[in-house]
PDB file of N, CA and C in Angstrom:
ATOM      1  N   MET A   1      97.133  75.442 103.652  1.00  0.00           N
ATOM      2  CA  MET A   1      97.038  76.450 104.692  1.00  0.00           C
ATOM      3  C   MET A   1      95.623  76.403 105.264  1.00  0.00           C
ATOM      4  N   THR A   2      95.526  76.390 106.557  1.00  0.00           N
ATOM      5  CA  THR A   2      94.211  76.330 107.174  1.00  0.00           C
ATOM      6  C   THR A   2      93.485  77.660 107.014  1.00  0.00           C
ATOM      7  N   LYS A   3      92.194  77.603 107.166  1.00  0.00           N
ATOM      8  CA  LYS A   3      91.378  78.809 107.022  1.00  0.00           C
ATOM      9  C   LYS A   3      91.779  79.872 108.049  1.00  0.00           C
ATOM     10  N   ALA A   4      92.042  79.471 109.281  1.00  0.00           N
ATOM     11  CA  ALA A   4      92.434  80.416 110.329  1.00  0.00           C
ATOM     12  C   ALA A   4      93.776  81.063 110.008  1.00  0.00           C
ATOM     13  N   LEU A   5      94.699  80.295 109.474  1.00  0.00           N
ATOM     14  CA  LEU A   5      96.014  80.829 109.125  1.00  0.00           C
ATOM     15  C   LEU A   5      95.908  81.794 107.950  1.00  0.00           C
ATOM     16  N   ARG A   6      95.079  81.473 106.970  1.00  0.00           N
ATOM     17  CA  ARG A   6      94.880  82.393 105.830  1.00  0.00           C
ATOM     18  C   ARG A   6      94.269  83.703 106.309  1.00  0.00           C
ATOM     19  N   PHE A   7      93.291  83.606 107.221  1.00  0.00           N
ATOM     20  CA  PHE A   7      92.660  84.809 107.759  1.00  0.00           C
ATOM     21  C   PHE A   7      93.680  85.665 108.500  1.00  0.00           C
ATOM     22  N   ALA A   8      94.525  85.033 109.318  1.00  0.00           N
ATOM     23  CA  ALA A   8      95.542  85.766 110.074  1.00  0.00           C
ATOM     24  C   ALA A   8      96.532  86.443 109.129  1.00  0.00           C
ATOM     25  N   ALA A   9      96.947  85.748 108.081  1.00  0.00           N
ATOM     26  CA  ALA A   9      97.877  86.329 107.115  1.00  0.00           C
ATOM     27  C   ALA A   9      97.244  87.517 106.405  1.00  0.00           C
ATOM     28  N   ALA A  10      95.987  87.384 106.021  1.00  0.00           N
ATOM     29  CA  ALA A  10      95.287  88.487 105.351  1.00  0.00           C
ATOM     30  C   ALA A  10      95.145  89.683 106.280  1.00  0.00           C
ATOM     31  N   ALA A  11      94.848  89.426 107.553  1.00  0.00           N
ATOM     32  CA  ALA A  11      94.691  90.513 108.525  1.00  0.00           C
ATOM     33  C   ALA A  11      95.998  91.266 108.717  1.00  0.00           C
ATOM     34  N   LEU A  12      97.110  90.569 108.647  1.00  0.00           N
ATOM     35  CA  LEU A  12      98.413  91.226 108.788  1.00  0.00           C
ATOM     36  C   LEU A  12      98.790  92.025 107.550  1.00  0.00           C
ATOM     37  N   LEU A  13      98.392  91.583 106.391  1.00  0.00           N
ATOM     38  CA  LEU A  13      98.778  92.253 105.147  1.00  0.00           C
ATOM     39  C   LEU A  13      97.886  93.421 104.778  1.00  0.00           C
ATOM     40  N   MET A  14      96.665  93.477 105.275  1.00  0.00           N
ATOM     41  CA  MET A  14      95.740  94.546 104.901  1.00  0.00           C
ATOM     42  C   MET A  14      96.266  95.941 105.243  1.00  0.00           C
ATOM     43  N   PRO A  15      96.840  96.179 106.430  1.00  0.00           N
ATOM     44  CA  PRO A  15      97.368  97.517 106.695  1.00  0.00           C
ATOM     45  C   PRO A  15      98.497  97.902 105.752  1.00  0.00           C
ATOM     46  N   LEU A  16      99.299  96.937 105.344  1.00  0.00           N
ATOM     47  CA  LEU A  16     100.372  97.223 104.403  1.00  0.00           C
ATOM     48  C   LEU A  16      99.821  97.623 103.048  1.00  0.00           C
ATOM     49  N   ALA A  17      98.772  96.992 102.619  1.00  0.00           N
ATOM     50  CA  ALA A  17      98.153  97.345 101.344  1.00  0.00           C
ATOM     51  C   ALA A  17      97.582  98.748 101.399  1.00  0.00           C
ATOM     52  N   ALA A  18      97.053  99.149 102.527  1.00  0.00           N
ATOM     53  CA  ALA A  18      96.506 100.499 102.664  1.00  0.00           C
ATOM     54  C   ALA A  18      97.603 101.547 102.550  1.00  0.00           C
ATOM     55  N   CYS A  19      98.801 101.251 103.040  1.00  0.00           N
ATOM     56  CA  CYS A  19      99.911 102.202 102.966  1.00  0.00           C
ATOM     57  C   CYS A  19     100.375 102.409 101.539  1.00  0.00           C
ATOM     58  N   ALA A  20     100.207 101.423 100.703  1.00  0.00           N
ATOM     59  CA  ALA A  20     100.698 101.508  99.336  1.00  0.00           C
ATOM     60  C   ALA A  20      99.632 102.023  98.385  1.00  0.00           C
ATOM     61  N   GLY A  21      98.571 102.614  98.921  1.00  0.00           N
ATOM     62  CA  GLY A  21      97.469 103.104  98.102  1.00  0.00           C
ATOM     63  C   GLY A  21      97.871 104.259  97.207  1.00  0.00           C
ATOM     64  N   SER A  22      96.885 104.906  96.667  1.00  0.00           N
ATOM     65  CA  SER A  22      97.135 105.992  95.732  1.00  0.00           C
ATOM     66  C   SER A  22      97.590 107.250  96.471  1.00  0.00           C
ATOM     67  N   PRO A  23      98.303 108.103  95.771  1.00  0.00           N
ATOM     68  CA  PRO A  23      98.797 109.332  96.388  1.00  0.00           C
ATOM     69  C   PRO A  23      97.664 110.295  96.697  1.00  0.00           C
ATOM     70  N   PRO A  24      97.854 111.192  97.620  1.00  0.00           N
ATOM     71  CA  PRO A  24      99.096 111.436  98.369  1.00  0.00           C
ATOM     72  C   PRO A  24      99.282 110.414  99.495  1.00  0.00           C
ATOM     73  N   TRP A  25     100.550 110.160  99.820  1.00  0.00           N
ATOM     74  CA  TRP A  25     100.886 109.211 100.865  1.00  0.00           C
ATOM     75  C   TRP A  25     101.143 109.959 102.164  1.00  0.00           C
ATOM     76  N   THR A  26     100.738 109.380 103.264  1.00  0.00           N
ATOM     77  CA  THR A  26     100.914 109.991 104.576  1.00  0.00           C
ATOM     78  C   THR A  26     102.306 109.683 105.103  1.00  0.00           C
ATOM     79  N   LEU A  27     103.062 110.735 105.410  1.00  0.00           N
ATOM     80  CA  LEU A  27     104.381 110.572 106.015  1.00  0.00           C
ATOM     81  C   LEU A  27     104.281 110.575 107.529  1.00  0.00           C
ATOM     82  N   SER A  28     103.422 111.433 108.071  1.00  0.00           N
ATOM     83  CA  SER A  28     103.185 111.462 109.514  1.00  0.00           C
ATOM     84  C   SER A  28     101.808 112.061 109.762  1.00  0.00           C
ATOM     85  N   GLN A  29     101.249 111.726 110.912  1.00  0.00           N
ATOM     86  CA  GLN A  29      99.943 112.275 111.266  1.00  0.00           C
ATOM     87  C   GLN A  29      99.743 112.231 112.767  1.00  0.00           C
ATOM     88  N   SER A  30      98.971 113.175 113.239  1.00  0.00           N
ATOM     89  CA  SER A  30      98.565 113.248 114.636  1.00  0.00           C
ATOM     90  C   SER A  30      97.265 114.040 114.651  1.00  0.00           C
ATOM     91  N   PRO A  31      96.614 114.165 115.790  1.00  0.00           N
ATOM     92  CA  PRO A  31      95.388 114.966 115.829  1.00  0.00           C
ATOM     93  C   PRO A  31      95.616 116.441 115.484  1.00  0.00           C
ATOM     94  N   SER A  32      96.855 116.912 115.559  1.00  0.00           N
ATOM     95  CA  SER A  32      97.132 118.326 115.300  1.00  0.00           C
ATOM     96  C   SER A  32      97.800 118.604 113.963  1.00  0.00           C
ATOM     97  N   GLU A  33      98.198 117.551 113.220  1.00  0.00           N
ATOM     98  CA  GLU A  33      98.868 117.781 111.939  1.00  0.00           C
ATOM     99  C   GLU A  33      98.850 116.530 111.070  1.00  0.00           C
ATOM    100  N   ILE A  34      99.161 116.759 109.784  1.00  0.00           N
ATOM    101  CA  ILE A  34      99.381 115.651 108.849  1.00  0.00           C
ATOM    102  C   ILE A  34     100.378 116.123 107.799  1.00  0.00           C
ATOM    103  N   THR A  35     101.305 115.265 107.427  1.00  0.00           N
ATOM    104  CA  THR A  35     102.290 115.558 106.390  1.00  0.00           C
ATOM    105  C   THR A  35     102.096 114.542 105.276  1.00  0.00           C
ATOM    106  N   LEU A  36     101.950 115.044 104.062  1.00  0.00           N
ATOM    107  CA  LEU A  36     101.652 114.212 102.894  1.00  0.00           C
ATOM    108  C   LEU A  36     102.716 114.375 101.824  1.00  0.00           C
ATOM    109  N   ARG A  37     102.902 113.336 101.006  1.00  0.00           N
ATOM    110  CA  ARG A  37     103.870 113.348  99.907  1.00  0.00           C
ATOM    111  C   ARG A  37     103.193 112.819  98.658  1.00  0.00           C
ATOM    112  N   TRP A  38     103.528 113.404  97.512  1.00  0.00           N
ATOM    113  CA  TRP A  38     103.006 112.948  96.232  1.00  0.00           C
ATOM    114  C   TRP A  38     103.924 113.434  95.121  1.00  0.00           C
ATOM    115  N   TYR A  39     103.756 112.893  93.930  1.00  0.00           N
ATOM    116  CA  TYR A  39     104.505 113.350  92.762  1.00  0.00           C
ATOM    117  C   TYR A  39     103.690 114.427  92.069  1.00  0.00           C
ATOM    118  N   ALA A  40     104.253 115.626  92.026  1.00  0.00           N
ATOM    119  CA  ALA A  40     103.524 116.792  91.533  1.00  0.00           C
ATOM    120  C   ALA A  40     103.087 116.652  90.080  1.00  0.00           C
ATOM    121  N   ASN A  41     103.813 115.894  89.282  1.00  0.00           N
ATOM    122  CA  ASN A  41     103.428 115.706  87.875  1.00  0.00           C
ATOM    123  C   ASN A  41     102.232 114.778  87.719  1.00  0.00           C
ATOM    124  N   ASP A  42     101.965 113.962  88.746  1.00  0.00           N
ATOM    125  CA  ASP A  42     100.895 112.968  88.659  1.00  0.00           C
ATOM    126  C   ASP A  42      99.665 113.293  89.505  1.00  0.00           C
ATOM    127  N   THR A  43      99.868 114.074  90.551  1.00  0.00           N
ATOM    128  CA  THR A  43      98.792 114.351  91.501  1.00  0.00           C
ATOM    129  C   THR A  43      98.751 115.843  91.783  1.00  0.00           C
ATOM    130  N   ASP A  44      97.564 116.399  91.823  1.00  0.00           N
ATOM    131  CA  ASP A  44      97.381 117.822  92.087  1.00  0.00           C
ATOM    132  C   ASP A  44      97.367 118.073  93.592  1.00  0.00           C
ATOM    133  N   ILE A  45      97.748 119.273  93.991  1.00  0.00           N
ATOM    134  CA  ILE A  45      97.724 119.620  95.414  1.00  0.00           C
ATOM    135  C   ILE A  45      96.310 119.557  95.976  1.00  0.00           C
ATOM    136  N   ALA A  46      95.320 119.673  95.126  1.00  0.00           N
ATOM    137  CA  ALA A  46      93.926 119.571  95.589  1.00  0.00           C
ATOM    138  C   ALA A  46      93.663 118.209  96.228  1.00  0.00           C
ATOM    139  N   ALA A  47      94.300 117.156  95.725  1.00  0.00           N
ATOM    140  CA  ALA A  47      94.132 115.822  96.315  1.00  0.00           C
ATOM    141  C   ALA A  47      94.742 115.783  97.713  1.00  0.00           C
ATOM    142  N   ALA A  48      95.879 116.442  97.899  1.00  0.00           N
ATOM    143  CA  ALA A  48      96.499 116.503  99.224  1.00  0.00           C
ATOM    144  C   ALA A  48      95.640 117.325 100.176  1.00  0.00           C
ATOM    145  N   SER A  49      95.128 118.433  99.695  1.00  0.00           N
ATOM    146  CA  SER A  49      94.268 119.273 100.540  1.00  0.00           C
ATOM    147  C   SER A  49      93.013 118.516 100.962  1.00  0.00           C
ATOM    148  N   ALA A  50      92.451 117.738 100.049  1.00  0.00           N
ATOM    149  CA  ALA A  50      91.261 116.951 100.375  1.00  0.00           C
ATOM    150  C   ALA A  50      91.587 115.892 101.428  1.00  0.00           C
ATOM    151  N   ALA A  51      92.742 115.238 101.288  1.00  0.00           N
ATOM    152  CA  ALA A  51      93.146 114.229 102.278  1.00  0.00           C
ATOM    153  C   ALA A  51      93.374 114.874 103.639  1.00  0.00           C
ATOM    154  N   ALA A  52      94.015 116.037 103.656  1.00  0.00           N
ATOM    155  CA  ALA A  52      94.258 116.743 104.917  1.00  0.00           C
ATOM    156  C   ALA A  52      92.931 117.192 105.546  1.00  0.00           C
ATOM    157  N   THR A  53      92.017 117.644 104.718  1.00  0.00           N
ATOM    158  CA  THR A  53      90.707 118.064 105.205  1.00  0.00           C
ATOM    159  C   THR A  53      89.974 116.898 105.857  1.00  0.00           C
ATOM    160  N   ARG A  54      90.003 115.721 105.215  1.00  0.00           N
ATOM    161  CA  ARG A  54      89.361 114.531 105.798  1.00  0.00           C
ATOM    162  C   ARG A  54      90.007 114.153 107.128  1.00  0.00           C
ATOM    163  N   HIS A  55      91.338 114.191 107.159  1.00  0.00           N
ATOM    164  CA  HIS A  55      92.058 113.831 108.385  1.00  0.00           C
ATOM    165  C   HIS A  55      91.683 114.775 109.524  1.00  0.00           C
ATOM    166  N   CYS A  56      91.795 116.071 109.290  1.00  0.00           N
ATOM    167  CA  CYS A  56      91.508 117.046 110.351  1.00  0.00           C
ATOM    168  C   CYS A  56      90.032 117.022 110.752  1.00  0.00           C
ATOM    169  N   ALA A  57      89.156 116.827 109.778  1.00  0.00           N
ATOM    170  CA  ALA A  57      87.721 116.781 110.074  1.00  0.00           C
ATOM    171  C   ALA A  57      87.387 115.610 110.993  1.00  0.00           C
ATOM    172  N   SER A  58      88.162 114.539 110.920  1.00  0.00           N
ATOM    173  CA  SER A  58      87.902 113.398 111.804  1.00  0.00           C
ATOM    174  C   SER A  58      88.146 113.759 113.273  1.00  0.00           C
ATOM    175  N   TYR A  59      88.821 114.879 113.515  1.00  0.00           N
ATOM    176  CA  TYR A  59      89.040 115.393 114.862  1.00  0.00           C
ATOM    177  C   TYR A  59      88.214 116.656 115.120  1.00  0.00           C
ATOM    178  N   GLY A  60      87.306 116.969 114.202  1.00  0.00           N
ATOM    179  CA  GLY A  60      86.463 118.145 114.348  1.00  0.00           C
ATOM    180  C   GLY A  60      87.201 119.446 114.101  1.00  0.00           C
ATOM    181  N   LYS A  61      88.268 119.382 113.297  1.00  0.00           N
ATOM    182  CA  LYS A  61      89.096 120.563 113.043  1.00  0.00           C
ATOM    183  C   LYS A  61      89.188 120.827 111.545  1.00  0.00           C
ATOM    184  N   ALA A  62      89.678 122.011 111.194  1.00  0.00           N
ATOM    185  CA  ALA A  62      89.885 122.386 109.798  1.00  0.00           C
ATOM    186  C   ALA A  62      91.375 122.293 109.467  1.00  0.00           C
ATOM    187  N   ALA A  63      91.688 121.950 108.228  1.00  0.00           N
ATOM    188  CA  ALA A  63      93.077 121.833 107.779  1.00  0.00           C
ATOM    189  C   ALA A  63      93.565 123.157 107.203  1.00  0.00           C
ATOM    190  N   THR A  64      94.795 123.515 107.573  1.00  0.00           N
ATOM    191  CA  THR A  64      95.445 124.708 107.041  1.00  0.00           C
ATOM    192  C   THR A  64      96.827 124.322 106.552  1.00  0.00           C
ATOM    193  N   LEU A  65      97.139 124.698 105.319  1.00  0.00           N
ATOM    194  CA  LEU A  65      98.460 124.394 104.765  1.00  0.00           C
ATOM    195  C   LEU A  65      99.517 125.155 105.542  1.00  0.00           C
ATOM    196  N   GLY A  66     100.488 124.437 106.068  1.00  0.00           N
ATOM    197  CA  GLY A  66     101.572 125.067 106.820  1.00  0.00           C
ATOM    198  C   GLY A  66     102.797 125.291 105.964  1.00  0.00           C
ATOM    199  N   GLU A  67     103.230 124.248 105.246  1.00  0.00           N
ATOM    200  CA  GLU A  67     104.451 124.336 104.454  1.00  0.00           C
ATOM    201  C   GLU A  67     104.331 123.410 103.246  1.00  0.00           C
ATOM    202  N   LEU A  68     104.841 123.876 102.121  1.00  0.00           N
ATOM    203  CA  LEU A  68     104.876 123.080 100.896  1.00  0.00           C
ATOM    204  C   LEU A  68     106.307 123.073 100.388  1.00  0.00           C
ATOM    205  N   GLN A  69     106.876 121.888 100.235  1.00  0.00           N
ATOM    206  CA  GLN A  69     108.250 121.744  99.768  1.00  0.00           C
ATOM    207  C   GLN A  69     108.275 120.916  98.496  1.00  0.00           C
ATOM    208  N   ARG A  70     109.288 121.159  97.678  1.00  0.00           N
ATOM    209  CA  ARG A  70     109.527 120.320  96.500  1.00  0.00           C
ATOM    210  C   ARG A  70     110.855 119.614  96.697  1.00  0.00           C
ATOM    211  N   ASP A  71     110.844 118.317  96.421  1.00  0.00           N
ATOM    212  CA  ASP A  71     112.050 117.506  96.493  1.00  0.00           C
ATOM    213  C   ASP A  71     112.153 116.760  95.174  1.00  0.00           C
ATOM    214  N   GLY A  72     112.763 117.401  94.195  1.00  0.00           N
ATOM    215  CA  GLY A  72     112.773 116.832  92.851  1.00  0.00           C
ATOM    216  C   GLY A  72     111.364 116.852  92.291  1.00  0.00           C
ATOM    217  N   SER A  73     110.864 115.706  91.870  1.00  0.00           N
ATOM    218  CA  SER A  73     109.504 115.644  91.324  1.00  0.00           C
ATOM    219  C   SER A  73     108.456 115.430  92.412  1.00  0.00           C
ATOM    220  N   ALA A  74     108.905 115.243  93.648  1.00  0.00           N
ATOM    221  CA  ALA A  74     107.983 115.008  94.747  1.00  0.00           C
ATOM    222  C   ALA A  74     107.614 116.322  95.432  1.00  0.00           C
ATOM    223  N   ALA A  75     106.378 116.380  95.902  1.00  0.00           N
ATOM    224  CA  ALA A  75     105.924 117.501  96.725  1.00  0.00           C
ATOM    225  C   ALA A  75     105.599 116.956  98.107  1.00  0.00           C
ATOM    226  N   ILE A  76     105.930 117.744  99.129  1.00  0.00           N
ATOM    227  CA  ILE A  76     105.662 117.374 100.516  1.00  0.00           C
ATOM    228  C   ILE A  76     104.972 118.547 101.171  1.00  0.00           C
ATOM    229  N   ALA A  77     103.802 118.300 101.726  1.00  0.00           N
ATOM    230  CA  ALA A  77     103.024 119.372 102.364  1.00  0.00           C
ATOM    231  C   ALA A  77     102.700 118.995 103.796  1.00  0.00           C
ATOM    232  N   SER A  78     102.835 119.973 104.664  1.00  0.00           N
ATOM    233  CA  SER A  78     102.444 119.820 106.062  1.00  0.00           C
ATOM    234  C   SER A  78     101.209 120.671 106.298  1.00  0.00           C
ATOM    235  N   TYR A  79     100.212 120.066 106.889  1.00  0.00           N
ATOM    236  CA  TYR A  79      98.948 120.763 107.217  1.00  0.00           C
ATOM    237  C   TYR A  79      98.778 120.743 108.718  1.00  0.00           C
ATOM    238  N   ARG A  80      98.275 121.846 109.251  1.00  0.00           N
ATOM    239  CA  ARG A  80      97.928 121.931 110.668  1.00  0.00           C
ATOM    240  C   ARG A  80      96.419 121.771 110.808  1.00  0.00           C
ATOM    241  N   CYS A  81      96.015 121.110 111.865  1.00  0.00           N
ATOM    242  CA  CYS A  81      94.589 120.959 112.159  1.00  0.00           C
ATOM    243  C   CYS A  81      94.243 121.929 113.290  1.00  0.00           C
ATOM    244  N   GLY A  82      93.299 122.797 113.023  1.00  0.00           N
ATOM    245  CA  GLY A  82      92.962 123.769 114.059  1.00  0.00           C
ATOM    246  C   GLY A  82      91.552 124.270 113.964  1.00  0.00           C
TER     247      GLY A  82
END
């Protein structure tokens, strides 16, 4: 494989690796909201709140928890940026 082809393959795979990172995982996001998912037995809601805070702060806004749902062992939280 040529060096240019290896670089192109790596560039395509890097965003996929970022999606598979540690929880909480982003289900959706926009400048006005973010929805996160994690396994409640493995990750504390504080980690989700911190991720939401970072996301909203990147737009100069504060994160506010809108809704918290449980789906079996998974937790799903929606935060508003305002």
